[in-house]
């Protein structure tokens, strides 16, 4: 079992930056794809960004491309999401996820991910 815990959310103004962190514990995670998703009330959880086990490849949703950056520190079992130029439409609960499968792909479907954190709220005011 892997426990995932997000932190770093908060209330910011449009144009500000936030850095989300996700700590994984319980089992080594440095061989697996990790990702960030987000969800707003009444909508399905959507893919934001993902990163392969060694950081060699990343993938971003079009809505955040050029503004968000995902990275990881395998020595600390951490994954991060640097969010710049935040917009009100970025307001959501952000979740980190781990795909417990040895593959170099970065799926965008929630069904492909095994472990999830509880989420951290990000609110961007206009």
Foldseek 3Di string as FASTA:
>chain_A
DKAKAKDWADEEAAQAKTKMKIAIDDDQQLQWKKFKWWDDPPDDIWGAKIAGSVRPDMDGDPVQPPFKDWDADSVRRMIMIIGGRDDQVVWTWMKMFIQPDRDRDDDTDPVRTDDMYPTDTHGYHD
